[in-house]
């Protein structure tokens, strides 16, 4: 099969790779219908995360089941499925508490490289969610979004305790931040402040439910959020970037007693203990337990109540994956969809 491989910083090649196969009796193999480039892939692409050998890329996927292991009971060949970037058994005490991305048996699905024509998914019964039928083509981008960026934005909003009567601020206007706006609207927030400097992303944020746009960053952005909230700060803030500046902007935009949901993968973040102590701000986040939210998200997409696939503003054949990386790295695209 064909699949994307990162050989060195900014060196993505689509090349021939071995077809995936059933290794454990709990595995499934799926034929990929669509995959994509994630903002977190750019940490490797830019060389911020060290890559020491050719590495298969991609951890977002949806497609049709081709084969299942002998112990798989709820997933069958021919079903269209979506799964999280972490495989989970969905039955251990951690999974039952809603944190499948910390399952005691978790495996990183991306180790097999989902930017490819096919993928082995471990722990298929606990990881994959089937759609009611084979989806129409126009639903596939939204179903793909549910495998990571929608689920991650949704978790950010849940971790930030978003709900009716709340004012929410979202730090970050990538796919996760934009879909955190959508999730905040679905969760009933009264007011949603999107922090963005890019006109096209501002427009999409407003279409997803943002009521206010803040273009300032850092301390100026914090001051603007406080101006919009009677000097108090937002009840709920989603941090969807992962840098020192974005994390402090999120914390300082939150009112005492408020909540920050941080889902940007942290790089170089150092939190000031004394400031946190006196802020009375709650912090909660981490790798999103996408599996917790998949049934709800898939149902809303299937009923066409939400359209998260609109974050894909560039569609390319898999063989042009390198251009997808370049476009996102240069901020010419919010998110690149790859069709095998």
Protein backbone atom coordinates (compact mmCIF):
# COMPACT_ATOMS: atom_id res chain seq x y z
CA UNK A 1 0.00 0.00 0.00
CA UNK A 2 0.97 3.67 -0.24
CA UNK A 3 1.61 5.68 2.92
CA UNK A 4 3.20 8.91 4.12
CA UNK A 5 6.57 8.66 5.87
CA UNK A 6 8.54 11.46 7.54
CA UNK A 7 12.25 10.98 6.89
CA UNK A 8 13.56 14.24 8.38
CA UNK A 9 12.24 17.71 9.17
CA UNK A 10 10.14 18.91 6.22
CA UNK A 11 10.84 15.71 4.29
CA UNK A 12 7.54 13.83 3.85
CA UNK A 13 7.44 11.13 1.20
CA UNK A 14 4.56 8.92 0.11
CA UNK A 15 6.03 5.53 -0.59
CA UNK A 16 5.28 1.85 -0.76
CA UNK A 17 4.75 0.27 2.68
CA UNK A 18 3.74 -3.18 3.87
CA UNK A 19 0.02 -3.85 4.00
CA UNK A 20 -1.30 -3.97 7.56
CA UNK A 21 -2.33 -7.37 8.91
CA UNK A 22 -4.05 -8.81 11.95
CA UNK A 23 -1.43 -9.29 14.66
CA UNK A 24 -3.53 -9.72 17.81
CA UNK A 25 -6.96 -11.38 17.90
CA UNK A 26 -8.47 -8.06 19.04
CA UNK A 27 -7.26 -6.18 15.92
CA UNK A 28 -9.16 -4.91 12.91
CA UNK A 29 -7.82 -3.80 9.52
CA UNK A 30 -9.68 -0.98 7.78
CA UNK A 31 -9.50 0.43 4.28
CA UNK A 32 -9.05 4.17 4.74
CA UNK A 33 -11.75 6.35 3.16
CA UNK A 34 -10.11 9.61 4.23
CA UNK A 35 -7.27 10.76 6.43
CA UNK A 36 -5.61 14.11 7.10
CA UNK A 37 -2.71 16.11 8.47
CA UNK A 38 -2.98 17.14 12.13
CA UNK A 39 -1.58 20.29 13.68
CA UNK A 40 0.30 18.05 16.11
CA UNK A 41 2.02 16.36 13.12
CA UNK A 42 3.72 19.70 12.51
CA UNK A 43 5.77 19.39 15.72
CA UNK A 44 7.55 16.44 14.06
CA UNK A 45 7.52 18.02 10.60
CA UNK A 46 9.22 21.18 11.89
CA UNK A 47 11.83 19.20 13.81
CA UNK A 48 10.61 20.37 17.23
CA UNK A 49 9.97 16.73 18.10
CA UNK A 50 13.09 14.80 17.11
CA UNK A 51 12.65 12.18 14.39
CA UNK A 52 15.57 9.74 14.28
CA UNK A 53 14.32 7.30 11.63
CA UNK A 54 11.73 7.13 8.85
CA UNK A 55 8.38 7.35 10.63
CA UNK A 56 4.90 6.51 9.27
CA UNK A 57 2.64 9.50 9.81
CA UNK A 58 -0.99 10.14 10.67
CA UNK A 59 -3.43 9.23 13.43
CA UNK A 60 -6.83 10.39 12.10
CA UNK A 61 -8.90 7.94 10.12
CA UNK A 62 -12.22 6.57 9.02
CA UNK A 63 -13.05 3.83 6.60
CA UNK A 64 -14.49 0.38 5.95
CA UNK A 65 -13.55 -2.69 7.97
CA UNK A 66 -11.82 -5.31 5.82
CA UNK A 67 -10.84 -7.92 8.40
CA UNK A 68 -11.15 -8.55 12.13
CA UNK A 69 -9.34 -10.78 14.60
CA UNK A 70 -10.89 -13.88 16.12
CA UNK A 71 -11.82 -12.14 19.40
CA UNK A 72 -13.52 -9.10 17.87
CA UNK A 73 -17.27 -9.34 18.51
CA UNK A 74 -18.91 -5.94 17.89
CA UNK A 75 -17.13 -4.77 14.74
CA UNK A 76 -17.67 -6.66 11.49
CA UNK A 77 -16.25 -6.48 7.96
CA UNK A 78 -18.15 -4.09 5.73
CA UNK A 79 -18.97 -1.57 8.46
CA UNK A 80 -17.92 2.06 8.12
CA UNK A 81 -16.06 3.04 11.30
CA UNK A 82 -14.33 5.92 13.05
CA UNK A 83 -11.83 5.52 15.86
CA UNK A 84 -9.69 7.52 18.22
CA UNK A 85 -5.94 8.09 17.88
CA UNK A 86 -5.51 6.03 21.07
CA UNK A 87 -6.81 2.47 21.02
CA UNK A 88 -8.57 1.48 24.23
CA UNK A 89 -10.39 -1.53 25.59
CA UNK A 90 -13.23 0.77 26.75
CA UNK A 91 -13.80 -1.52 29.74
CA UNK A 92 -10.99 -0.92 32.25
CA UNK A 93 -11.70 1.32 35.29
CA UNK A 94 -10.02 4.30 33.60
CA UNK A 95 -12.09 3.88 30.44
CA UNK A 96 -15.29 3.50 32.44
CA UNK A 97 -14.46 6.82 34.12
CA UNK A 98 -14.33 8.42 30.66
CA UNK A 99 -10.57 8.65 30.09
CA UNK A 100 -10.03 6.12 27.32
CA UNK A 101 -6.89 7.91 26.15
CA UNK A 102 -5.29 6.73 29.43
CA UNK A 103 -6.66 3.18 29.17
CA UNK A 104 -4.44 0.70 31.00
CA UNK A 105 -4.06 -1.16 27.68
CA UNK A 106 -3.88 1.87 25.40
CA UNK A 107 -1.92 1.82 22.16
CA UNK A 108 -1.17 4.75 19.87
CA UNK A 109 -2.98 3.96 16.64
CA UNK A 110 -0.74 6.39 14.79
CA UNK A 111 2.23 4.07 15.27
CA UNK A 112 0.94 2.29 12.19
CA UNK A 113 0.57 5.52 10.22
CA UNK A 114 -3.00 6.45 9.26
CA UNK A 115 -1.93 8.63 6.31
CA UNK A 116 -2.11 5.53 4.17
CA UNK A 117 -4.48 3.35 2.21
CA UNK A 118 -5.13 0.92 5.07
CA UNK A 119 -4.58 0.73 8.82
CA UNK A 120 -4.42 -1.84 11.61
CA UNK A 121 -6.50 -0.75 14.61
CA UNK A 122 -5.76 -2.51 17.91
CA UNK A 123 -8.49 -3.21 20.47
CA UNK A 124 -11.11 -2.82 17.77
CA UNK A 125 -14.16 -3.47 19.95
CA UNK A 126 -13.20 -0.72 22.37
CA UNK A 127 -11.80 1.74 19.85
CA UNK A 128 -14.02 1.79 16.78
CA UNK A 129 -17.54 3.18 16.45
CA UNK A 130 -19.63 2.16 13.45
CA UNK A 131 -21.97 4.49 11.60
CA UNK A 132 -25.59 3.40 11.02
CA UNK A 133 -24.72 2.64 7.41
CA UNK A 134 -22.31 3.57 4.65
CA UNK A 135 -22.20 7.39 4.72
CA UNK A 136 -22.78 9.69 1.79
CA UNK A 137 -19.50 11.08 0.48
CA UNK A 138 -20.23 14.57 1.80
CA UNK A 139 -20.39 13.26 5.39
CA UNK A 140 -16.96 11.65 5.31
CA UNK A 141 -14.94 14.82 6.13
CA UNK A 142 -17.08 15.44 9.21
CA UNK A 143 -16.81 11.83 10.35
CA UNK A 144 -13.05 12.05 9.88
CA UNK A 145 -12.97 15.21 12.01
CA UNK A 146 -14.59 13.24 14.83
CA UNK A 147 -11.56 10.94 15.05
CA UNK A 148 -9.44 13.72 16.58
CA UNK A 149 -9.96 17.45 16.12
CA UNK A 150 -13.69 17.52 16.86
CA UNK A 151 -13.24 15.13 19.79
CA UNK A 152 -10.29 17.14 21.06
CA UNK A 153 -12.14 20.45 20.81
CA UNK A 154 -15.14 18.82 22.48
CA UNK A 155 -13.01 17.54 25.36
CA UNK A 156 -11.43 20.98 25.73
CA UNK A 157 -14.90 22.46 26.14
CA UNK A 158 -16.02 19.75 28.57
CA UNK A 159 -12.80 20.09 30.60
CA UNK A 160 -13.45 23.84 30.76
CA UNK A 161 -16.92 23.15 32.19
CA UNK A 162 -18.69 24.84 29.28
CA UNK A 163 -22.44 25.01 29.63
CA UNK A 164 -25.53 27.23 29.65
CA UNK A 165 -24.99 30.63 31.20
CA UNK A 166 -21.24 30.52 30.60
CA UNK A 167 -18.96 32.87 28.69
CA UNK A 168 -16.28 30.88 26.86
CA UNK A 169 -13.00 32.03 25.33
CA UNK A 170 -11.05 29.87 22.88
CA UNK A 171 -7.31 30.43 22.50
CA UNK A 172 -6.18 29.10 19.13
CA UNK A 173 -7.83 29.25 15.70
CA UNK A 174 -6.57 25.99 14.22
CA UNK A 175 -8.94 23.10 13.59
CA UNK A 176 -9.13 22.16 17.28
CA UNK A 177 -9.83 25.73 18.39
CA UNK A 178 -12.48 26.23 15.72
CA UNK A 179 -14.18 22.98 16.68
CA UNK A 180 -13.99 23.92 20.35
CA UNK A 181 -16.16 26.87 19.32
CA UNK A 182 -18.61 24.48 17.67
CA UNK A 183 -18.58 22.23 20.75
CA UNK A 184 -19.16 25.20 23.07
CA UNK A 185 -22.22 26.12 21.04
CA UNK A 186 -23.48 22.52 21.19
CA UNK A 187 -22.96 22.52 24.96
CA UNK A 188 -25.11 25.61 25.33
CA UNK A 189 -22.65 28.43 26.06
CA UNK A 190 -24.23 31.88 26.13
CA UNK A 191 -21.23 33.74 24.75
CA UNK A 192 -18.22 32.44 22.82
CA UNK A 193 -15.10 34.56 22.30
CA UNK A 194 -12.82 33.29 19.54
CA UNK A 195 -9.26 34.60 19.62
CA UNK A 196 -7.99 34.83 16.03
CA UNK A 197 -6.02 37.14 13.76
CA UNK A 198 -7.02 35.46 10.50
CA UNK A 199 -10.10 36.72 8.66
CA UNK A 200 -11.06 33.39 7.07
CA UNK A 201 -10.77 31.59 10.41
CA UNK A 202 -12.71 34.34 12.16
CA UNK A 203 -15.53 33.88 9.66
CA UNK A 204 -15.64 30.13 10.20
CA UNK A 205 -15.54 30.60 13.98
CA UNK A 206 -18.56 32.89 13.73
CA UNK A 207 -20.38 30.37 11.55
CA UNK A 208 -19.62 27.70 14.18
CA UNK A 209 -21.11 29.91 16.91
CA UNK A 210 -18.61 32.55 18.05
CA UNK A 211 -20.29 35.73 19.26
CA UNK A 212 -17.12 37.82 19.64
CA UNK A 213 -13.71 37.95 17.95
CA UNK A 214 -10.54 39.05 19.74
CA UNK A 215 -7.55 39.67 17.49
CA UNK A 216 -5.06 40.62 20.21
CA UNK A 217 -2.64 38.11 21.74
CA UNK A 218 -0.76 37.79 25.02
CA UNK A 219 -1.47 40.41 27.67
CA UNK A 220 -3.39 42.55 25.16
CA UNK A 221 -5.64 39.59 24.40
CA UNK A 222 -6.19 38.98 28.11
CA UNK A 223 -7.13 42.64 28.61
CA UNK A 224 -9.61 42.45 25.72
CA UNK A 225 -11.32 39.34 27.16
CA UNK A 226 -11.58 41.04 30.53
CA UNK A 227 -13.03 44.16 28.88
CA UNK A 228 -15.71 41.95 27.34
CA UNK A 229 -16.51 40.29 30.68
CA UNK A 230 -16.87 43.24 33.06
CA UNK A 231 -13.25 42.89 34.14
CA UNK A 232 -13.78 39.36 35.48
CA UNK A 233 -12.57 37.04 32.72
CA UNK A 234 -14.37 34.15 31.06
CA UNK A 235 -16.02 31.32 32.99
CA UNK A 236 -14.45 28.76 30.65
CA UNK A 237 -11.35 28.95 28.45
CA UNK A 238 -10.14 26.35 25.95
CA UNK A 239 -6.39 26.36 25.25
CA UNK A 240 -5.79 24.75 21.86
CA UNK A 241 -2.20 25.65 20.95
CA UNK A 242 0.31 24.31 23.48
CA UNK A 243 2.83 27.14 23.85
CA UNK A 244 3.88 29.15 26.88
CA UNK A 245 2.16 32.27 25.55
CA UNK A 246 -1.11 30.51 24.74
CA UNK A 247 -1.27 28.73 28.09
CA UNK A 248 -0.68 31.90 30.08
CA UNK A 249 -3.13 33.79 27.88
CA UNK A 250 -5.74 31.12 28.66
CA UNK A 251 -5.10 31.11 32.41
CA UNK A 252 -5.08 34.91 32.69
CA UNK A 253 -8.28 35.20 30.62
CA UNK A 254 -10.14 33.03 33.15
CA UNK A 255 -12.03 34.49 36.10
CA UNK A 256 -11.39 33.24 39.67
CA UNK A 257 -13.21 29.95 40.05
CA UNK A 258 -13.28 29.44 36.29
CA UNK A 259 -11.94 26.52 34.30
CA UNK A 260 -9.26 26.08 31.62
CA UNK A 261 -9.47 23.03 29.35
CA UNK A 262 -6.04 22.60 27.78
CA UNK A 263 -5.76 20.30 24.79
CA UNK A 264 -2.86 21.83 22.86
CA UNK A 265 0.12 19.47 23.20
CA UNK A 266 2.45 21.46 25.51
CA UNK A 267 5.89 22.42 24.23
CA UNK A 268 8.11 24.50 26.51
CA UNK A 269 5.29 25.32 28.93
CA UNK A 270 6.40 26.28 32.45
CA UNK A 271 3.56 27.27 34.79
CA UNK A 272 4.13 29.79 37.61
CA UNK A 273 3.02 28.10 40.82
CA UNK A 274 2.41 31.20 42.90
CA UNK A 275 0.29 32.88 40.22
CA UNK A 276 -1.78 29.73 39.82
CA UNK A 277 -2.20 29.44 43.59
CA UNK A 278 -3.74 32.89 43.88
CA UNK A 279 -5.76 32.71 40.66
CA UNK A 280 -8.31 30.12 41.81
CA UNK A 281 -8.35 28.86 38.23
CA UNK A 282 -9.04 25.17 37.60
CA UNK A 283 -6.82 23.41 35.04
CA UNK A 284 -7.84 20.18 33.34
CA UNK A 285 -6.83 18.65 30.04
CA UNK A 286 -4.55 16.21 28.29
CA UNK A 287 -4.90 13.83 25.34
CA UNK A 288 -8.59 13.89 24.51
CA UNK A 289 -10.57 10.74 25.35
CA UNK A 290 -12.19 10.92 21.93
CA UNK A 291 -13.82 7.51 22.35
CA UNK A 292 -15.99 8.93 25.18
CA UNK A 293 -17.59 11.41 22.80
CA UNK A 294 -17.61 9.46 19.53
CA UNK A 295 -21.16 8.03 19.74
CA UNK A 296 -22.62 11.49 20.46
CA UNK A 297 -20.54 13.19 17.78
CA UNK A 298 -21.24 10.56 15.12
CA UNK A 299 -24.97 10.76 15.85
CA UNK A 300 -24.99 14.56 15.48
CA UNK A 301 -23.01 14.35 12.23
CA UNK A 302 -25.20 11.56 10.83
CA UNK A 303 -28.30 13.65 11.56
CA UNK A 304 -26.56 16.65 9.92
CA UNK A 305 -26.91 18.73 13.05
CA UNK A 306 -23.24 19.74 12.89
CA UNK A 307 -20.75 20.00 10.03
CA UNK A 308 -17.24 19.92 11.53
CA UNK A 309 -15.76 18.82 8.20
CA UNK A 310 -15.76 22.47 7.15
CA UNK A 311 -12.37 22.85 8.87
CA UNK A 312 -10.88 21.00 5.89
CA UNK A 313 -10.07 23.79 3.46
CA UNK A 314 -7.61 21.82 1.34
CA UNK A 315 -8.25 18.42 -0.23
CA UNK A 316 -5.44 16.48 -1.87
CA UNK A 317 -4.73 12.96 -3.06
CA UNK A 318 -2.64 10.97 -0.60
CA UNK A 319 0.34 11.08 -2.96
CA UNK A 320 0.45 14.87 -2.44
CA UNK A 321 0.65 14.63 1.36
CA UNK A 322 3.85 16.69 1.39
CA UNK A 323 1.93 19.66 -0.02
CA UNK A 324 -0.66 19.24 2.71
CA UNK A 325 2.09 19.54 5.32
CA UNK A 326 3.59 22.57 3.58
CA UNK A 327 0.23 24.32 3.33
CA UNK A 328 -0.49 23.86 7.02
CA UNK A 329 3.05 24.75 8.06
CA UNK A 330 2.80 27.99 6.08
CA UNK A 331 -0.75 28.62 7.37
CA UNK A 332 -2.16 28.51 3.86
CA UNK A 333 -4.61 25.86 5.10
CA UNK A 334 -6.40 25.20 8.37
CA UNK A 335 -6.42 21.45 7.78
CA UNK A 336 -5.52 19.25 4.81
CA UNK A 337 -7.74 16.28 3.90
CA UNK A 338 -6.00 13.38 2.15
CA UNK A 339 -7.85 10.93 -0.08
CA UNK A 340 -6.11 7.56 -0.61
